[in-house]
Amino acid sequence: MASIPNTGASVTVANMALSSGTYVINAKMWLSNSQTMKAHYVKCSLVVQDASANIVDSDTTAVTVAAAQSSGIPGTTALPFVVANTFTTSVTVTLNCQRMDTNTGSTSALDIKLTAAEISTVVSQ
């Protein structure tokens, strides 16, 4: 589990290194808000960078995590991400999240999964 503070700081919740090749990279997680008064606004990105920190591919999602119904029933939302590409050099894959508000409390990121499968080709529409 990772905690995403209401400071606007970017938090890395998962990462991995990959050698050159053709990959489909999937990530998913749940975000949880235990505050009962206000929603949390969160932007998360699956980012692929080369050794020089240049972004070579990414997938970004911004969501509203509803306020909790009660102290025992948090507001939640699920986030899926996918990148499929050929990388000619080694890359680093990171899953990052950032709060876009200053409402009370931190957002929890849980059940985080980051997987990469090497494939022969990418076909997309």
N, C-alpha and C. Protein backbone atom coordinates (compact mmCIF):
# COMPACT_ATOMS: atom_id res chain seq x y z
N MET A 1 0.85 -1.18 0.00
CA MET A 1 0.00 0.00 0.00
C MET A 1 0.89 1.23 0.00
N ALA A 2 0.45 2.26 -0.69
CA ALA A 2 1.17 3.53 -0.74
C ALA A 2 0.21 4.64 -0.33
N SER A 3 0.78 5.70 0.22
CA SER A 3 -0.01 6.85 0.64
C SER A 3 0.32 8.04 -0.26
N ILE A 4 -0.71 8.68 -0.79
CA ILE A 4 -0.56 9.83 -1.67
C ILE A 4 -1.01 11.06 -0.89
N PRO A 5 -0.07 11.92 -0.46
CA PRO A 5 -0.44 13.06 0.38
C PRO A 5 -1.14 14.17 -0.39
N ASN A 6 -1.76 15.07 0.35
CA ASN A 6 -2.48 16.19 -0.27
C ASN A 6 -1.56 17.39 -0.52
N THR A 7 -0.26 17.15 -0.69
CA THR A 7 0.72 18.22 -0.88
C THR A 7 1.01 18.53 -2.35
N GLY A 8 0.51 17.69 -3.25
CA GLY A 8 0.82 17.86 -4.67
C GLY A 8 2.08 17.14 -5.09
N ALA A 9 2.77 16.49 -4.14
CA ALA A 9 3.99 15.75 -4.45
C ALA A 9 3.65 14.48 -5.23
N SER A 10 4.47 14.16 -6.23
CA SER A 10 4.30 12.93 -6.99
C SER A 10 4.88 11.77 -6.19
N VAL A 11 4.14 10.67 -6.12
CA VAL A 11 4.55 9.49 -5.38
C VAL A 11 4.67 8.32 -6.34
N THR A 12 5.82 7.65 -6.35
CA THR A 12 5.98 6.44 -7.15
C THR A 12 5.42 5.27 -6.35
N VAL A 13 4.42 4.59 -6.92
CA VAL A 13 3.78 3.47 -6.21
C VAL A 13 4.29 2.12 -6.70
N ALA A 14 4.92 2.07 -7.88
CA ALA A 14 5.51 0.83 -8.40
C ALA A 14 6.50 1.21 -9.50
N ASN A 15 7.52 0.35 -9.71
CA ASN A 15 8.44 0.57 -10.82
C ASN A 15 9.13 -0.74 -11.20
N MET A 16 9.70 -0.76 -12.39
CA MET A 16 10.46 -1.91 -12.88
C MET A 16 11.37 -1.46 -14.01
N ALA A 17 12.44 -2.22 -14.22
CA ALA A 17 13.36 -1.98 -15.33
C ALA A 17 13.15 -3.06 -16.38
N LEU A 18 13.21 -2.67 -17.65
CA LEU A 18 13.06 -3.61 -18.76
C LEU A 18 14.22 -3.43 -19.73
N SER A 19 14.67 -4.51 -20.30
CA SER A 19 15.67 -4.43 -21.37
C SER A 19 14.97 -4.06 -22.67
N SER A 20 15.73 -3.77 -23.70
CA SER A 20 15.12 -3.41 -24.99
C SER A 20 14.23 -4.56 -25.47
N GLY A 21 13.19 -4.21 -26.20
CA GLY A 21 12.27 -5.23 -26.72
C GLY A 21 10.89 -4.65 -26.96
N THR A 22 9.97 -5.52 -27.32
CA THR A 22 8.59 -5.13 -27.57
C THR A 22 7.75 -5.68 -26.42
N TYR A 23 7.01 -4.80 -25.77
CA TYR A 23 6.27 -5.17 -24.56
C TYR A 23 4.85 -4.65 -24.58
N VAL A 24 3.99 -5.37 -23.86
CA VAL A 24 2.73 -4.82 -23.41
C VAL A 24 2.87 -4.73 -21.89
N ILE A 25 2.65 -3.52 -21.38
CA ILE A 25 2.82 -3.23 -19.96
C ILE A 25 1.46 -2.86 -19.40
N ASN A 26 1.04 -3.57 -18.36
CA ASN A 26 -0.25 -3.33 -17.73
C ASN A 26 -0.03 -2.93 -16.28
N ALA A 27 -0.87 -2.04 -15.80
CA ALA A 27 -0.86 -1.67 -14.39
C ALA A 27 -2.31 -1.45 -13.96
N LYS A 28 -2.55 -1.70 -12.68
CA LYS A 28 -3.86 -1.40 -12.13
C LYS A 28 -3.71 -1.20 -10.63
N MET A 29 -4.63 -0.48 -10.05
CA MET A 29 -4.64 -0.26 -8.61
C MET A 29 -5.99 0.27 -8.19
N TRP A 30 -6.22 0.23 -6.90
CA TRP A 30 -7.39 0.85 -6.29
C TRP A 30 -6.92 2.08 -5.53
N LEU A 31 -7.71 3.14 -5.55
CA LEU A 31 -7.48 4.31 -4.71
C LEU A 31 -8.60 4.39 -3.69
N SER A 32 -8.24 4.75 -2.47
CA SER A 32 -9.22 4.78 -1.37
C SER A 32 -9.14 6.10 -0.63
N ASN A 33 -10.30 6.65 -0.28
CA ASN A 33 -10.43 7.90 0.47
C ASN A 33 -11.25 7.62 1.72
N SER A 34 -10.63 7.73 2.89
CA SER A 34 -11.34 7.46 4.14
C SER A 34 -11.98 8.71 4.74
N GLN A 35 -11.78 9.87 4.13
CA GLN A 35 -12.37 11.12 4.62
C GLN A 35 -13.86 11.16 4.26
N THR A 36 -14.70 11.57 5.20
CA THR A 36 -16.15 11.57 4.97
C THR A 36 -16.69 12.90 4.45
N MET A 37 -15.86 13.93 4.41
CA MET A 37 -16.37 15.25 4.04
C MET A 37 -16.15 15.64 2.58
N LYS A 38 -14.98 15.30 2.01
CA LYS A 38 -14.67 15.78 0.67
C LYS A 38 -14.01 14.70 -0.18
N ALA A 39 -14.22 14.83 -1.48
CA ALA A 39 -13.59 13.93 -2.45
C ALA A 39 -12.11 14.26 -2.58
N HIS A 40 -11.35 13.31 -3.12
CA HIS A 40 -9.94 13.52 -3.47
C HIS A 40 -9.83 13.46 -4.99
N TYR A 41 -9.00 14.32 -5.55
CA TYR A 41 -8.78 14.37 -6.99
C TYR A 41 -7.34 13.94 -7.25
N VAL A 42 -7.16 12.86 -8.02
CA VAL A 42 -5.85 12.23 -8.17
C VAL A 42 -5.56 12.01 -9.65
N LYS A 43 -4.31 12.30 -10.04
CA LYS A 43 -3.83 12.00 -11.38
C LYS A 43 -2.72 10.97 -11.26
N CYS A 44 -2.85 9.87 -12.00
CA CYS A 44 -1.84 8.82 -11.98
C CYS A 44 -1.36 8.54 -13.40
N SER A 45 -0.09 8.18 -13.52
CA SER A 45 0.51 7.93 -14.83
C SER A 45 1.40 6.71 -14.80
N LEU A 46 1.29 5.91 -15.85
CA LEU A 46 2.23 4.84 -16.14
C LEU A 46 3.21 5.45 -17.14
N VAL A 47 4.48 5.58 -16.74
CA VAL A 47 5.46 6.31 -17.54
C VAL A 47 6.63 5.41 -17.88
N VAL A 48 7.04 5.41 -19.15
CA VAL A 48 8.20 4.66 -19.61
C VAL A 48 9.27 5.68 -20.00
N GLN A 49 10.47 5.56 -19.38
CA GLN A 49 11.56 6.49 -19.65
C GLN A 49 12.82 5.74 -20.06
N ASP A 50 13.60 6.38 -20.94
CA ASP A 50 14.89 5.80 -21.32
C ASP A 50 15.95 6.18 -20.28
N ALA A 51 17.20 5.78 -20.51
CA ALA A 51 18.27 6.01 -19.55
C ALA A 51 18.55 7.50 -19.33
N SER A 52 18.17 8.35 -20.27
CA SER A 52 18.36 9.80 -20.13
C SER A 52 17.15 10.49 -19.52
N ALA A 53 16.20 9.70 -19.02
CA ALA A 53 14.96 10.20 -18.39
C ALA A 53 14.00 10.85 -19.38
N ASN A 54 14.17 10.57 -20.68
CA ASN A 54 13.20 11.02 -21.67
C ASN A 54 11.98 10.12 -21.62
N ILE A 55 10.80 10.70 -21.63
CA ILE A 55 9.56 9.91 -21.64
C ILE A 55 9.37 9.37 -23.06
N VAL A 56 9.31 8.04 -23.19
CA VAL A 56 9.14 7.42 -24.50
C VAL A 56 7.72 6.90 -24.71
N ASP A 57 6.95 6.76 -23.63
CA ASP A 57 5.54 6.39 -23.75
C ASP A 57 4.90 6.60 -22.38
N SER A 58 3.58 6.77 -22.36
CA SER A 58 2.88 6.94 -21.08
C SER A 58 1.39 6.74 -21.26
N ASP A 59 0.72 6.54 -20.14
CA ASP A 59 -0.74 6.46 -20.07
C ASP A 59 -1.15 7.14 -18.77
N THR A 60 -2.02 8.13 -18.85
CA THR A 60 -2.40 8.94 -17.68
C THR A 60 -3.90 8.92 -17.49
N THR A 61 -4.32 8.87 -16.22
CA THR A 61 -5.73 8.91 -15.87
C THR A 61 -5.92 9.85 -14.68
N ALA A 62 -6.92 10.70 -14.75
CA ALA A 62 -7.28 11.56 -13.62
C ALA A 62 -8.66 11.12 -13.13
N VAL A 63 -8.79 10.97 -11.81
CA VAL A 63 -10.04 10.46 -11.24
C VAL A 63 -10.46 11.27 -10.02
N THR A 64 -11.73 11.15 -9.71
CA THR A 64 -12.28 11.66 -8.45
C THR A 64 -12.52 10.45 -7.56
N VAL A 65 -11.93 10.47 -6.38
CA VAL A 65 -12.17 9.41 -5.39
C VAL A 65 -13.20 9.97 -4.42
N ALA A 66 -14.40 9.44 -4.48
CA ALA A 66 -15.51 9.96 -3.68
C ALA A 66 -15.19 9.92 -2.19
N ALA A 67 -15.85 10.78 -1.44
CA ALA A 67 -15.71 10.77 0.01
C ALA A 67 -16.27 9.46 0.56
N ALA A 68 -15.78 9.07 1.73
CA ALA A 68 -16.25 7.85 2.38
C ALA A 68 -17.72 8.00 2.79
N GLN A 69 -18.44 6.87 2.75
CA GLN A 69 -19.83 6.88 3.21
C GLN A 69 -19.89 6.92 4.73
N SER A 70 -18.89 6.30 5.37
CA SER A 70 -18.77 6.29 6.83
C SER A 70 -17.33 5.94 7.17
N SER A 71 -17.00 5.88 8.45
CA SER A 71 -15.62 5.56 8.84
C SER A 71 -15.20 4.16 8.41
N GLY A 72 -16.15 3.27 8.18
CA GLY A 72 -15.84 1.90 7.77
C GLY A 72 -16.04 1.62 6.29
N ILE A 73 -16.58 2.59 5.54
CA ILE A 73 -16.84 2.39 4.11
C ILE A 73 -16.19 3.53 3.33
N PRO A 74 -14.92 3.34 2.90
CA PRO A 74 -14.22 4.41 2.19
C PRO A 74 -14.75 4.58 0.76
N GLY A 75 -14.50 5.76 0.22
CA GLY A 75 -14.74 5.97 -1.20
C GLY A 75 -13.60 5.30 -1.97
N THR A 76 -13.91 4.63 -3.07
CA THR A 76 -12.88 3.93 -3.83
C THR A 76 -13.10 4.10 -5.33
N THR A 77 -12.02 3.91 -6.07
CA THR A 77 -12.09 3.86 -7.53
C THR A 77 -10.92 3.02 -8.03
N ALA A 78 -11.13 2.34 -9.15
CA ALA A 78 -10.09 1.51 -9.75
C ALA A 78 -9.49 2.24 -10.95
N LEU A 79 -8.18 2.05 -11.15
CA LEU A 79 -7.50 2.68 -12.28
C LEU A 79 -6.74 1.63 -13.06
N PRO A 80 -7.03 1.48 -14.37
CA PRO A 80 -6.24 0.60 -15.24
C PRO A 80 -5.34 1.42 -16.17
N PHE A 81 -4.21 0.85 -16.54
CA PHE A 81 -3.26 1.50 -17.45
C PHE A 81 -2.70 0.45 -18.41
N VAL A 82 -2.37 0.88 -19.63
CA VAL A 82 -1.71 -0.02 -20.57
C VAL A 82 -0.81 0.78 -21.51
N VAL A 83 0.36 0.23 -21.78
CA VAL A 83 1.29 0.76 -22.78
C VAL A 83 1.77 -0.44 -23.58
N ALA A 84 1.77 -0.33 -24.90
CA ALA A 84 2.31 -1.37 -25.77
C ALA A 84 3.21 -0.69 -26.79
N ASN A 85 4.49 -1.09 -26.81
CA ASN A 85 5.42 -0.38 -27.66
C ASN A 85 6.71 -1.19 -27.82
N THR A 86 7.50 -0.81 -28.81
CA THR A 86 8.84 -1.37 -28.99
C THR A 86 9.85 -0.35 -28.48
N PHE A 87 10.75 -0.79 -27.60
CA PHE A 87 11.76 0.07 -27.02
C PHE A 87 13.13 -0.41 -27.50
N THR A 88 13.89 0.48 -28.12
CA THR A 88 15.17 0.11 -28.72
C THR A 88 16.31 0.09 -27.70
N THR A 89 16.05 0.63 -26.51
CA THR A 89 17.04 0.62 -25.43
C THR A 89 16.34 0.17 -24.14
N SER A 90 17.13 -0.06 -23.11
CA SER A 90 16.55 -0.38 -21.81
C SER A 90 15.71 0.80 -21.32
N VAL A 91 14.65 0.49 -20.58
CA VAL A 91 13.75 1.53 -20.08
C VAL A 91 13.39 1.26 -18.62
N THR A 92 12.92 2.31 -17.98
CA THR A 92 12.38 2.21 -16.62
C THR A 92 10.90 2.54 -16.70
N VAL A 93 10.09 1.71 -16.05
CA VAL A 93 8.65 1.89 -16.02
C VAL A 93 8.26 2.30 -14.60
N THR A 94 7.53 3.40 -14.46
CA THR A 94 7.07 3.82 -13.14
C THR A 94 5.57 4.10 -13.18
N LEU A 95 4.94 3.82 -12.06
CA LEU A 95 3.53 4.15 -11.86
C LEU A 95 3.52 5.22 -10.76
N ASN A 96 3.12 6.43 -11.14
CA ASN A 96 3.18 7.59 -10.25
C ASN A 96 1.79 8.16 -10.03
N CYS A 97 1.56 8.72 -8.83
CA CYS A 97 0.29 9.38 -8.53
C CYS A 97 0.55 10.71 -7.83
N GLN A 98 -0.38 11.64 -8.06
CA GLN A 98 -0.27 12.97 -7.49
C GLN A 98 -1.66 13.46 -7.14
N ARG A 99 -1.83 13.98 -5.92
CA ARG A 99 -3.09 14.60 -5.53
C ARG A 99 -3.18 15.97 -6.17
N MET A 100 -4.35 16.31 -6.68
CA MET A 100 -4.57 17.58 -7.35
C MET A 100 -5.38 18.54 -6.47
N ASP A 101 -5.57 18.19 -5.20
CA ASP A 101 -6.34 19.02 -4.27
C ASP A 101 -5.61 19.08 -2.93
N THR A 102 -6.10 19.92 -2.03
CA THR A 102 -5.53 20.00 -0.69
C THR A 102 -6.56 19.60 0.37
N ASN A 103 -7.59 18.86 -0.03
CA ASN A 103 -8.58 18.40 0.93
C ASN A 103 -7.91 17.52 1.99
N THR A 104 -8.50 17.43 3.15
CA THR A 104 -7.95 16.71 4.29
C THR A 104 -7.63 15.26 3.96
N GLY A 105 -6.54 14.77 4.55
CA GLY A 105 -6.20 13.35 4.49
C GLY A 105 -5.39 12.95 3.27
N SER A 106 -4.86 11.74 3.35
CA SER A 106 -4.10 11.14 2.24
C SER A 106 -4.98 10.14 1.52
N THR A 107 -4.67 9.91 0.26
CA THR A 107 -5.34 8.89 -0.53
C THR A 107 -4.48 7.63 -0.47
N SER A 108 -5.11 6.49 -0.25
CA SER A 108 -4.38 5.23 -0.21
C SER A 108 -4.43 4.56 -1.58
N ALA A 109 -3.28 4.05 -2.03
CA ALA A 109 -3.22 3.24 -3.26
C ALA A 109 -2.96 1.81 -2.80
N LEU A 110 -3.81 0.89 -3.25
CA LEU A 110 -3.67 -0.49 -2.80
C LEU A 110 -3.96 -1.47 -3.91
N ASP A 111 -3.61 -2.72 -3.67
CA ASP A 111 -3.74 -3.80 -4.65
C ASP A 111 -3.08 -3.39 -5.97
N ILE A 112 -1.85 -2.88 -5.86
CA ILE A 112 -1.11 -2.36 -7.00
C ILE A 112 -0.47 -3.50 -7.78
N LYS A 113 -0.70 -3.54 -9.07
CA LYS A 113 -0.11 -4.54 -9.95
C LYS A 113 0.56 -3.83 -11.12
N LEU A 114 1.80 -4.25 -11.43
CA LEU A 114 2.54 -3.74 -12.58
C LEU A 114 3.20 -4.93 -13.25
N THR A 115 2.79 -5.21 -14.49
CA THR A 115 3.32 -6.38 -15.20
C THR A 115 3.75 -5.98 -16.61
N ALA A 116 4.73 -6.70 -17.12
CA ALA A 116 5.19 -6.48 -18.50
C ALA A 116 5.36 -7.85 -19.15
N ALA A 117 4.85 -7.99 -20.36
CA ALA A 117 5.01 -9.22 -21.13
C ALA A 117 5.72 -8.89 -22.43
N GLU A 118 6.81 -9.59 -22.71
CA GLU A 118 7.51 -9.38 -23.98
C GLU A 118 6.74 -10.10 -25.07
N ILE A 119 6.49 -9.40 -26.16
CA ILE A 119 5.70 -9.92 -27.27
C ILE A 119 6.46 -9.73 -28.58
N SER A 120 5.95 -10.31 -29.67
CA SER A 120 6.67 -10.19 -30.94
C SER A 120 6.33 -8.92 -31.70
N THR A 121 5.06 -8.50 -31.70
CA THR A 121 4.66 -7.27 -32.39
C THR A 121 3.52 -6.60 -31.66
N VAL A 122 3.32 -5.32 -31.96
CA VAL A 122 2.21 -4.55 -31.41
C VAL A 122 1.32 -4.16 -32.59
N VAL A 123 0.03 -4.46 -32.49
CA VAL A 123 -0.95 -4.04 -33.48
C VAL A 123 -1.98 -3.20 -32.72
N SER A 124 -2.20 -1.96 -33.15
CA SER A 124 -3.18 -1.11 -32.46
C SER A 124 -4.00 -0.35 -33.49
N GLN A 125 -5.16 0.09 -33.05
CA GLN A 125 -6.06 0.86 -33.92
C GLN A 125 -6.24 2.23 -33.36
